[in-house]
Amino acid sequence: MEHQTSGPNPLCEVGKTHQRDRHRMRPLDDVPGVWVCSKHDLFATVVEKERAEAIERGDPFPMHDGTLGVASRHGDERPNGIVIYYRAAAND
């Protein structure tokens, strides 16, 4: 999976809906193109626009470490695609 990082660190998804909790995500150490919010166990990366348009909230989404994740929502548009927020899949 190729990651693009053009632009500033994205706002955390939680801050998009809860204005009092607005903060930016940080780059994930040793994983180029992935941002993390350790406060909310949330990750983000940029994917091509066509691929992003096919991803819905709750769809399976591969984590940066190869495990199964779940797509959360779309973020802002970047020159190389759209930010996708995701988190680890629940272990039921």
PDB file of N, CA and C in Angstrom:
ATOM      1  N   MET A   1       0.842  -1.165   0.000  1.00  0.00           N
ATOM      2  CA  MET A   1       0.000   0.000   0.000  1.00  0.00           C
ATOM      3  C   MET A   1       0.894   1.236   0.000  1.00  0.00           C
ATOM      4  N   GLU A   2       0.716   2.115  -0.972  1.00  0.00           N
ATOM      5  CA  GLU A   2       1.520   3.326  -1.045  1.00  0.00           C
ATOM      6  C   GLU A   2       0.784   4.460  -0.346  1.00  0.00           C
ATOM      7  N   HIS A   3       1.485   5.192   0.484  1.00  0.00           N
ATOM      8  CA  HIS A   3       0.874   6.273   1.254  1.00  0.00           C
ATOM      9  C   HIS A   3       1.394   7.615   0.770  1.00  0.00           C
ATOM     10  N   GLN A   4       0.518   8.594   0.733  1.00  0.00           N
ATOM     11  CA  GLN A   4       0.882   9.949   0.371  1.00  0.00           C
ATOM     12  C   GLN A   4       0.601  10.843   1.575  1.00  0.00           C
ATOM     13  N   THR A   5       1.440  11.845   1.802  1.00  0.00           N
ATOM     14  CA  THR A   5       1.277  12.671   2.997  1.00  0.00           C
ATOM     15  C   THR A   5       1.164  14.156   2.719  1.00  0.00           C
ATOM     16  N   SER A   6       0.927  14.554   1.493  1.00  0.00           N
ATOM     17  CA  SER A   6       0.909  15.976   1.160  1.00  0.00           C
ATOM     18  C   SER A   6      -0.016  16.763   2.078  1.00  0.00           C
ATOM     19  N   GLY A   7       0.485  17.871   2.583  1.00  0.00           N
ATOM     20  CA  GLY A   7      -0.324  18.749   3.419  1.00  0.00           C
ATOM     21  C   GLY A   7      -0.032  18.582   4.886  1.00  0.00           C
ATOM     22  N   PRO A   8      -0.681  19.406   5.708  1.00  0.00           N
ATOM     23  CA  PRO A   8      -0.456  19.340   7.157  1.00  0.00           C
ATOM     24  C   PRO A   8      -1.065  18.085   7.773  1.00  0.00           C
ATOM     25  N   ASN A   9      -0.663  17.795   8.991  1.00  0.00           N
ATOM     26  CA  ASN A   9      -1.265  16.666   9.700  1.00  0.00           C
ATOM     27  C   ASN A   9      -2.771  16.891   9.770  1.00  0.00           C
ATOM     28  N   PRO A  10      -3.577  15.853   9.537  1.00  0.00           N
ATOM     29  CA  PRO A  10      -5.028  16.040   9.556  1.00  0.00           C
ATOM     30  C   PRO A  10      -5.550  16.251  10.981  1.00  0.00           C
ATOM     31  N   LEU A  11      -6.693  16.918  11.062  1.00  0.00           N
ATOM     32  CA  LEU A  11      -7.380  17.011  12.343  1.00  0.00           C
ATOM     33  C   LEU A  11      -7.837  15.623  12.744  1.00  0.00           C
ATOM     34  N   CYS A  12      -7.864  15.336  14.026  1.00  0.00           N
ATOM     35  CA  CYS A  12      -8.402  14.070  14.511  1.00  0.00           C
ATOM     36  C   CYS A  12      -9.883  14.018  14.139  1.00  0.00           C
ATOM     37  N   GLU A  13     -10.359  12.867  13.752  1.00  0.00           N
ATOM     38  CA  GLU A  13     -11.765  12.696  13.367  1.00  0.00           C
ATOM     39  C   GLU A  13     -12.703  13.121  14.493  1.00  0.00           C
ATOM     40  N   VAL A  14     -12.346  12.832  15.728  1.00  0.00           N
ATOM     41  CA  VAL A  14     -13.192  13.173  16.871  1.00  0.00           C
ATOM     42  C   VAL A  14     -13.384  14.684  16.944  1.00  0.00           C
ATOM     43  N   GLY A  15     -12.339  15.435  16.670  1.00  0.00           N
ATOM     44  CA  GLY A  15     -12.425  16.884  16.697  1.00  0.00           C
ATOM     45  C   GLY A  15     -13.313  17.461  15.613  1.00  0.00           C
ATOM     46  N   LYS A  16     -13.548  16.698  14.558  1.00  0.00           N
ATOM     47  CA  LYS A  16     -14.434  17.175  13.503  1.00  0.00           C
ATOM     48  C   LYS A  16     -15.880  17.250  13.997  1.00  0.00           C
ATOM     49  N   THR A  17     -16.253  16.404  14.938  1.00  0.00           N
ATOM     50  CA  THR A  17     -17.630  16.404  15.449  1.00  0.00           C
ATOM     51  C   THR A  17     -17.746  16.979  16.854  1.00  0.00           C
ATOM     52  N   HIS A  18     -16.668  17.031  17.584  1.00  0.00           N
ATOM     53  CA  HIS A  18     -16.649  17.589  18.932  1.00  0.00           C
ATOM     54  C   HIS A  18     -15.657  18.744  18.962  1.00  0.00           C
ATOM     55  N   GLN A  19     -16.135  19.936  18.711  1.00  0.00           N
ATOM     56  CA  GLN A  19     -15.275  21.101  18.546  1.00  0.00           C
ATOM     57  C   GLN A  19     -14.371  21.386  19.739  1.00  0.00           C
ATOM     58  N   ARG A  20     -14.770  20.991  20.922  1.00  0.00           N
ATOM     59  CA  ARG A  20     -13.940  21.226  22.109  1.00  0.00           C
ATOM     60  C   ARG A  20     -12.734  20.292  22.164  1.00  0.00           C
ATOM     61  N   ASP A  21     -12.724  19.288  21.305  1.00  0.00           N
ATOM     62  CA  ASP A  21     -11.637  18.308  21.290  1.00  0.00           C
ATOM     63  C   ASP A  21     -10.867  18.386  19.967  1.00  0.00           C
ATOM     64  N   ARG A  22     -10.743  19.563  19.396  1.00  0.00           N
ATOM     65  CA  ARG A  22     -10.024  19.721  18.126  1.00  0.00           C
ATOM     66  C   ARG A  22      -8.519  19.628  18.362  1.00  0.00           C
ATOM     67  N   HIS A  23      -7.900  18.702  17.686  1.00  0.00           N
ATOM     68  CA  HIS A  23      -6.452  18.566  17.732  1.00  0.00           C
ATOM     69  C   HIS A  23      -5.996  17.832  16.479  1.00  0.00           C
ATOM     70  N   ARG A  24      -4.740  17.982  16.155  1.00  0.00           N
ATOM     71  CA  ARG A  24      -4.194  17.325  14.973  1.00  0.00           C
ATOM     72  C   ARG A  24      -3.558  15.987  15.344  1.00  0.00           C
ATOM     73  N   MET A  25      -3.577  15.088  14.380  1.00  0.00           N
ATOM     74  CA  MET A  25      -2.950  13.791  14.559  1.00  0.00           C
ATOM     75  C   MET A  25      -1.453  13.944  14.345  1.00  0.00           C
ATOM     76  N   ARG A  26      -0.692  12.972  14.808  1.00  0.00           N
ATOM     77  CA  ARG A  26       0.774  12.996  14.657  1.00  0.00           C
ATOM     78  C   ARG A  26       1.219  11.889  13.713  1.00  0.00           C
ATOM     79  N   PRO A  27       2.329  12.119  13.005  1.00  0.00           N
ATOM     80  CA  PRO A  27       2.848  11.045  12.155  1.00  0.00           C
ATOM     81  C   PRO A  27       3.186   9.819  13.007  1.00  0.00           C
ATOM     82  N   LEU A  28       2.866   8.651  12.490  1.00  0.00           N
ATOM     83  CA  LEU A  28       3.173   7.407  13.195  1.00  0.00           C
ATOM     84  C   LEU A  28       4.640   7.075  12.967  1.00  0.00           C
ATOM     85  N   ASP A  29       5.371   6.873  14.051  1.00  0.00           N
ATOM     86  CA  ASP A  29       6.797   6.555  13.952  1.00  0.00           C
ATOM     87  C   ASP A  29       7.020   5.332  13.072  1.00  0.00           C
ATOM     88  N   ASP A  30       7.997   5.426  12.205  1.00  0.00           N
ATOM     89  CA  ASP A  30       8.445   4.324  11.347  1.00  0.00           C
ATOM     90  C   ASP A  30       7.424   3.860  10.317  1.00  0.00           C
ATOM     91  N   VAL A  31       6.316   4.588  10.137  1.00  0.00           N
ATOM     92  CA  VAL A  31       5.333   4.215   9.117  1.00  0.00           C
ATOM     93  C   VAL A  31       4.995   5.475   8.306  1.00  0.00           C
ATOM     94  N   PRO A  32       5.722   5.714   7.223  1.00  0.00           N
ATOM     95  CA  PRO A  32       5.472   6.912   6.428  1.00  0.00           C
ATOM     96  C   PRO A  32       4.045   6.945   5.891  1.00  0.00           C
ATOM     97  N   GLY A  33       3.445   8.115   5.914  1.00  0.00           N
ATOM     98  CA  GLY A  33       2.109   8.281   5.340  1.00  0.00           C
ATOM     99  C   GLY A  33       0.963   7.904   6.243  1.00  0.00           C
ATOM    100  N   VAL A  34       1.244   7.625   7.506  1.00  0.00           N
ATOM    101  CA  VAL A  34       0.175   7.269   8.448  1.00  0.00           C
ATOM    102  C   VAL A  34       0.259   8.199   9.646  1.00  0.00           C
ATOM    103  N   TRP A  35      -0.892   8.718  10.036  1.00  0.00           N
ATOM    104  CA  TRP A  35      -0.990   9.560  11.226  1.00  0.00           C
ATOM    105  C   TRP A  35      -1.736   8.800  12.312  1.00  0.00           C
ATOM    106  N   VAL A  36      -1.489   9.171  13.567  1.00  0.00           N
ATOM    107  CA  VAL A  36      -2.112   8.487  14.687  1.00  0.00           C
ATOM    108  C   VAL A  36      -2.640   9.503  15.693  1.00  0.00           C
ATOM    109  N   CYS A  37      -3.748   9.156  16.323  1.00  0.00           N
ATOM    110  CA  CYS A  37      -4.242   9.873  17.492  1.00  0.00           C
ATOM    111  C   CYS A  37      -4.290   8.828  18.597  1.00  0.00           C
ATOM    112  N   SER A  38      -3.293   8.853  19.473  1.00  0.00           N
ATOM    113  CA  SER A  38      -3.225   7.852  20.539  1.00  0.00           C
ATOM    114  C   SER A  38      -4.327   8.069  21.573  1.00  0.00           C
ATOM    115  N   LYS A  39      -4.845   9.267  21.673  1.00  0.00           N
ATOM    116  CA  LYS A  39      -5.935   9.560  22.611  1.00  0.00           C
ATOM    117  C   LYS A  39      -7.213   8.802  22.227  1.00  0.00           C
ATOM    118  N   HIS A  40      -7.451   8.652  20.917  1.00  0.00           N
ATOM    119  CA  HIS A  40      -8.685   8.023  20.443  1.00  0.00           C
ATOM    120  C   HIS A  40      -8.450   6.715  19.693  1.00  0.00           C
ATOM    121  N   ASP A  41      -7.230   6.172  19.732  1.00  0.00           N
ATOM    122  CA  ASP A  41      -6.893   4.931  19.023  1.00  0.00           C
ATOM    123  C   ASP A  41      -7.358   4.977  17.569  1.00  0.00           C
ATOM    124  N   LEU A  42      -6.983   6.045  16.898  1.00  0.00           N
ATOM    125  CA  LEU A  42      -7.437   6.305  15.545  1.00  0.00           C
ATOM    126  C   LEU A  42      -6.233   6.561  14.643  1.00  0.00           C
ATOM    127  N   PHE A  43      -6.343   6.129  13.403  1.00  0.00           N
ATOM    128  CA  PHE A  43      -5.279   6.324  12.425  1.00  0.00           C
ATOM    129  C   PHE A  43      -5.857   6.993  11.185  1.00  0.00           C
ATOM    130  N   ALA A  44      -4.989   7.527  10.352  1.00  0.00           N
ATOM    131  CA  ALA A  44      -5.415   8.138   9.093  1.00  0.00           C
ATOM    132  C   ALA A  44      -4.320   7.961   8.058  1.00  0.00           C
ATOM    133  N   THR A  45      -4.732   7.878   6.809  1.00  0.00           N
ATOM    134  CA  THR A  45      -3.815   7.826   5.688  1.00  0.00           C
ATOM    135  C   THR A  45      -4.519   8.410   4.478  1.00  0.00           C
ATOM    136  N   VAL A  46      -3.782   8.703   3.429  1.00  0.00           N
ATOM    137  CA  VAL A  46      -4.366   9.224   2.198  1.00  0.00           C
ATOM    138  C   VAL A  46      -4.461   8.092   1.190  1.00  0.00           C
ATOM    139  N   VAL A  47      -5.640   7.949   0.584  1.00  0.00           N
ATOM    140  CA  VAL A  47      -5.832   6.957  -0.476  1.00  0.00           C
ATOM    141  C   VAL A  47      -6.323   7.690  -1.728  1.00  0.00           C
ATOM    142  N   GLU A  48      -6.153   7.056  -2.869  1.00  0.00           N
ATOM    143  CA  GLU A  48      -6.609   7.647  -4.127  1.00  0.00           C
ATOM    144  C   GLU A  48      -8.108   7.914  -4.060  1.00  0.00           C
ATOM    145  N   LYS A  49      -8.538   8.984  -4.717  1.00  0.00           N
ATOM    146  CA  LYS A  49      -9.934   9.417  -4.658  1.00  0.00           C
ATOM    147  C   LYS A  49     -10.905   8.312  -5.082  1.00  0.00           C
ATOM    148  N   GLU A  50     -10.592   7.594  -6.152  1.00  0.00           N
ATOM    149  CA  GLU A  50     -11.479   6.531  -6.637  1.00  0.00           C
ATOM    150  C   GLU A  50     -11.650   5.438  -5.582  1.00  0.00           C
ATOM    151  N   ARG A  51     -10.557   5.089  -4.936  1.00  0.00           N
ATOM    152  CA  ARG A  51     -10.628   4.063  -3.886  1.00  0.00           C
ATOM    153  C   ARG A  51     -11.401   4.587  -2.688  1.00  0.00           C
ATOM    154  N   ALA A  52     -11.162   5.839  -2.308  1.00  0.00           N
ATOM    155  CA  ALA A  52     -11.857   6.434  -1.160  1.00  0.00           C
ATOM    156  C   ALA A  52     -13.366   6.472  -1.378  1.00  0.00           C
ATOM    157  N   GLU A  53     -13.787   6.773  -2.604  1.00  0.00           N
ATOM    158  CA  GLU A  53     -15.213   6.843  -2.906  1.00  0.00           C
ATOM    159  C   GLU A  53     -15.904   5.500  -2.734  1.00  0.00           C
ATOM    160  N   ALA A  54     -15.153   4.400  -2.836  1.00  0.00           N
ATOM    161  CA  ALA A  54     -15.718   3.063  -2.683  1.00  0.00           C
ATOM    162  C   ALA A  54     -15.729   2.593  -1.226  1.00  0.00           C
ATOM    163  N   ILE A  55     -15.099   3.346  -0.326  1.00  0.00           N
ATOM    164  CA  ILE A  55     -14.996   2.947   1.077  1.00  0.00           C
ATOM    165  C   ILE A  55     -16.094   3.624   1.888  1.00  0.00           C
ATOM    166  N   GLU A  56     -16.872   2.811   2.593  1.00  0.00           N
ATOM    167  CA  GLU A  56     -17.942   3.313   3.457  1.00  0.00           C
ATOM    168  C   GLU A  56     -17.542   3.110   4.917  1.00  0.00           C
ATOM    169  N   ARG A  57     -18.132   3.880   5.802  1.00  0.00           N
ATOM    170  CA  ARG A  57     -17.911   3.731   7.239  1.00  0.00           C
ATOM    171  C   ARG A  57     -18.256   2.296   7.649  1.00  0.00           C
ATOM    172  N   GLY A  58     -17.351   1.657   8.374  1.00  0.00           N
ATOM    173  CA  GLY A  58     -17.563   0.279   8.828  1.00  0.00           C
ATOM    174  C   GLY A  58     -17.014  -0.786   7.897  1.00  0.00           C
ATOM    175  N   ASP A  59     -16.568  -0.394   6.701  1.00  0.00           N
ATOM    176  CA  ASP A  59     -15.973  -1.355   5.770  1.00  0.00           C
ATOM    177  C   ASP A  59     -14.630  -1.839   6.312  1.00  0.00           C
ATOM    178  N   PRO A  60     -14.264  -3.077   5.992  1.00  0.00           N
ATOM    179  CA  PRO A  60     -12.923  -3.542   6.363  1.00  0.00           C
ATOM    180  C   PRO A  60     -11.881  -2.639   5.701  1.00  0.00           C
ATOM    181  N   PHE A  61     -10.823  -2.343   6.431  1.00  0.00           N
ATOM    182  CA  PHE A  61      -9.746  -1.501   5.911  1.00  0.00           C
ATOM    183  C   PHE A  61      -8.443  -2.038   6.480  1.00  0.00           C
ATOM    184  N   PRO A  62      -7.466  -2.331   5.619  1.00  0.00           N
ATOM    185  CA  PRO A  62      -6.199  -2.896   6.123  1.00  0.00           C
ATOM    186  C   PRO A  62      -5.429  -1.899   6.976  1.00  0.00           C
ATOM    187  N   MET A  63      -5.030  -2.345   8.151  1.00  0.00           N
ATOM    188  CA  MET A  63      -4.212  -1.518   9.030  1.00  0.00           C
ATOM    189  C   MET A  63      -2.795  -1.431   8.457  1.00  0.00           C
ATOM    190  N   HIS A  64      -2.066  -0.449   8.868  1.00  0.00           N
ATOM    191  CA  HIS A  64      -0.694  -0.235   8.430  1.00  0.00           C
ATOM    192  C   HIS A  64       0.231  -1.368   8.842  1.00  0.00           C
ATOM    193  N   ASP A  65      -0.158  -2.156   9.853  1.00  0.00           N
ATOM    194  CA  ASP A  65       0.677  -3.272  10.315  1.00  0.00           C
ATOM    195  C   ASP A  65       0.236  -4.617   9.741  1.00  0.00           C
ATOM    196  N   GLY A  66      -0.722  -4.592   8.799  1.00  0.00           N
ATOM    197  CA  GLY A  66      -1.178  -5.821   8.151  1.00  0.00           C
ATOM    198  C   GLY A  66      -2.384  -6.480   8.799  1.00  0.00           C
ATOM    199  N   THR A  67      -2.801  -6.010   9.967  1.00  0.00           N
ATOM    200  CA  THR A  67      -3.982  -6.583  10.613  1.00  0.00           C
ATOM    201  C   THR A  67      -5.247  -5.955  10.038  1.00  0.00           C
ATOM    202  N   LEU A  68      -6.403  -6.490  10.428  1.00  0.00           N
ATOM    203  CA  LEU A  68      -7.674  -6.003   9.928  1.00  0.00           C
ATOM    204  C   LEU A  68      -8.130  -4.780  10.697  1.00  0.00           C
ATOM    205  N   GLY A  69      -8.511  -3.759   9.962  1.00  0.00           N
ATOM    206  CA  GLY A  69      -9.052  -2.551  10.565  1.00  0.00           C
ATOM    207  C   GLY A  69     -10.427  -2.270  10.016  1.00  0.00           C
ATOM    208  N   VAL A  70     -11.004  -1.155  10.464  1.00  0.00           N
ATOM    209  CA  VAL A  70     -12.325  -0.745  10.034  1.00  0.00           C
ATOM    210  C   VAL A  70     -12.264   0.727   9.636  1.00  0.00           C
ATOM    211  N   ALA A  71     -12.798   1.047   8.464  1.00  0.00           N
ATOM    212  CA  ALA A  71     -12.836   2.436   8.018  1.00  0.00           C
ATOM    213  C   ALA A  71     -13.802   3.219   8.892  1.00  0.00           C
ATOM    214  N   SER A  72     -13.443   4.457   9.158  1.00  0.00           N
ATOM    215  CA  SER A  72     -14.289   5.292   9.988  1.00  0.00           C
ATOM    216  C   SER A  72     -15.004   6.335   9.142  1.00  0.00           C
ATOM    217  N   ARG A  73     -14.264   7.300   8.614  1.00  0.00           N
ATOM    218  CA  ARG A  73     -14.879   8.307   7.742  1.00  0.00           C
ATOM    219  C   ARG A  73     -13.830   8.920   6.832  1.00  0.00           C
ATOM    220  N   HIS A  74     -14.302   9.727   5.897  1.00  0.00           N
ATOM    221  CA  HIS A  74     -13.421  10.447   4.989  1.00  0.00           C
ATOM    222  C   HIS A  74     -13.019  11.763   5.637  1.00  0.00           C
ATOM    223  N   GLY A  75     -11.815  12.186   5.339  1.00  0.00           N
ATOM    224  CA  GLY A  75     -11.325  13.467   5.819  1.00  0.00           C
ATOM    225  C   GLY A  75     -11.197  14.447   4.674  1.00  0.00           C
ATOM    226  N   ASP A  76     -10.238  15.340   4.788  1.00  0.00           N
ATOM    227  CA  ASP A  76     -10.077  16.374   3.778  1.00  0.00           C
ATOM    228  C   ASP A  76      -9.408  15.841   2.519  1.00  0.00           C
ATOM    229  N   GLU A  77      -9.589  16.578   1.452  1.00  0.00           N
ATOM    230  CA  GLU A  77      -8.994  16.214   0.179  1.00  0.00           C
ATOM    231  C   GLU A  77      -7.547  16.696   0.148  1.00  0.00           C
ATOM    232  N   ARG A  78      -6.683  15.866  -0.386  1.00  0.00           N
ATOM    233  CA  ARG A  78      -5.265  16.175  -0.537  1.00  0.00           C
ATOM    234  C   ARG A  78      -4.912  16.102  -2.015  1.00  0.00           C
ATOM    235  N   PRO A  79      -3.755  16.648  -2.423  1.00  0.00           N
ATOM    236  CA  PRO A  79      -3.386  16.594  -3.840  1.00  0.00           C
ATOM    237  C   PRO A  79      -3.345  15.169  -4.401  1.00  0.00           C
ATOM    238  N   ASN A  80      -3.029  14.186  -3.568  1.00  0.00           N
ATOM    239  CA  ASN A  80      -2.897  12.804  -4.047  1.00  0.00           C
ATOM    240  C   ASN A  80      -4.058  11.909  -3.667  1.00  0.00           C
ATOM    241  N   GLY A  81      -5.133  12.469  -3.126  1.00  0.00           N
ATOM    242  CA  GLY A  81      -6.268  11.646  -2.748  1.00  0.00           C
ATOM    243  C   GLY A  81      -7.066  12.256  -1.613  1.00  0.00           C
ATOM    244  N   ILE A  82      -7.631  11.396  -0.798  1.00  0.00           N
ATOM    245  CA  ILE A  82      -8.493  11.803   0.312  1.00  0.00           C
ATOM    246  C   ILE A  82      -8.035  11.103   1.581  1.00  0.00           C
ATOM    247  N   VAL A  83      -8.063  11.821   2.690  1.00  0.00           N
ATOM    248  CA  VAL A  83      -7.711  11.233   3.980  1.00  0.00           C
ATOM    249  C   VAL A  83      -8.810  10.262   4.396  1.00  0.00           C
ATOM    250  N   ILE A  84      -8.415   9.067   4.801  1.00  0.00           N
ATOM    251  CA  ILE A  84      -9.342   8.067   5.350  1.00  0.00           C
ATOM    252  C   ILE A  84      -8.933   7.802   6.785  1.00  0.00           C
ATOM    253  N   TYR A  85      -9.900   7.901   7.690  1.00  0.00           N
ATOM    254  CA  TYR A  85      -9.673   7.561   9.096  1.00  0.00           C
ATOM    255  C   TYR A  85     -10.041   6.100   9.291  1.00  0.00           C
ATOM    256  N   TYR A  86      -9.269   5.411  10.121  1.00  0.00           N
ATOM    257  CA  TYR A  86      -9.564   4.002  10.396  1.00  0.00           C
ATOM    258  C   TYR A  86      -9.065   3.640  11.786  1.00  0.00           C
ATOM    259  N   ARG A  87      -9.561   2.519  12.277  1.00  0.00           N
ATOM    260  CA  ARG A  87      -9.138   2.010  13.588  1.00  0.00           C
ATOM    261  C   ARG A  87      -9.078   0.496  13.534  1.00  0.00           C
ATOM    262  N   ALA A  88      -8.495  -0.083  14.556  1.00  0.00           N
ATOM    263  CA  ALA A  88      -8.393  -1.541  14.623  1.00  0.00           C
ATOM    264  C   ALA A  88      -9.795  -2.140  14.729  1.00  0.00           C
ATOM    265  N   ALA A  89      -9.991  -3.290  14.122  1.00  0.00           N
ATOM    266  CA  ALA A  89     -11.277  -3.988  14.211  1.00  0.00           C
ATOM    267  C   ALA A  89     -11.449  -4.532  15.621  1.00  0.00           C
ATOM    268  N   ALA A  90     -12.678  -4.531  16.086  1.00  0.00           N
ATOM    269  CA  ALA A  90     -12.976  -5.065  17.414  1.00  0.00           C
ATOM    270  C   ALA A  90     -12.741  -6.566  17.448  1.00  0.00           C
ATOM    271  N   ASN A  91     -12.177  -7.032  18.519  1.00  0.00           N
ATOM    272  CA  ASN A  91     -11.943  -8.477  18.683  1.00  0.00           C
ATOM    273  C   ASN A  91     -13.083  -9.069  19.498  1.00  0.00           C
ATOM    274  N   ASP A  92     -14.127  -9.485  18.795  1.00  0.00           N
ATOM    275  CA  ASP A  92     -15.293 -10.058  19.496  1.00  0.00           C
ATOM    276  C   ASP A  92     -15.142 -11.521  19.733  1.00  0.00           C
TER     277      ASP A  92
END
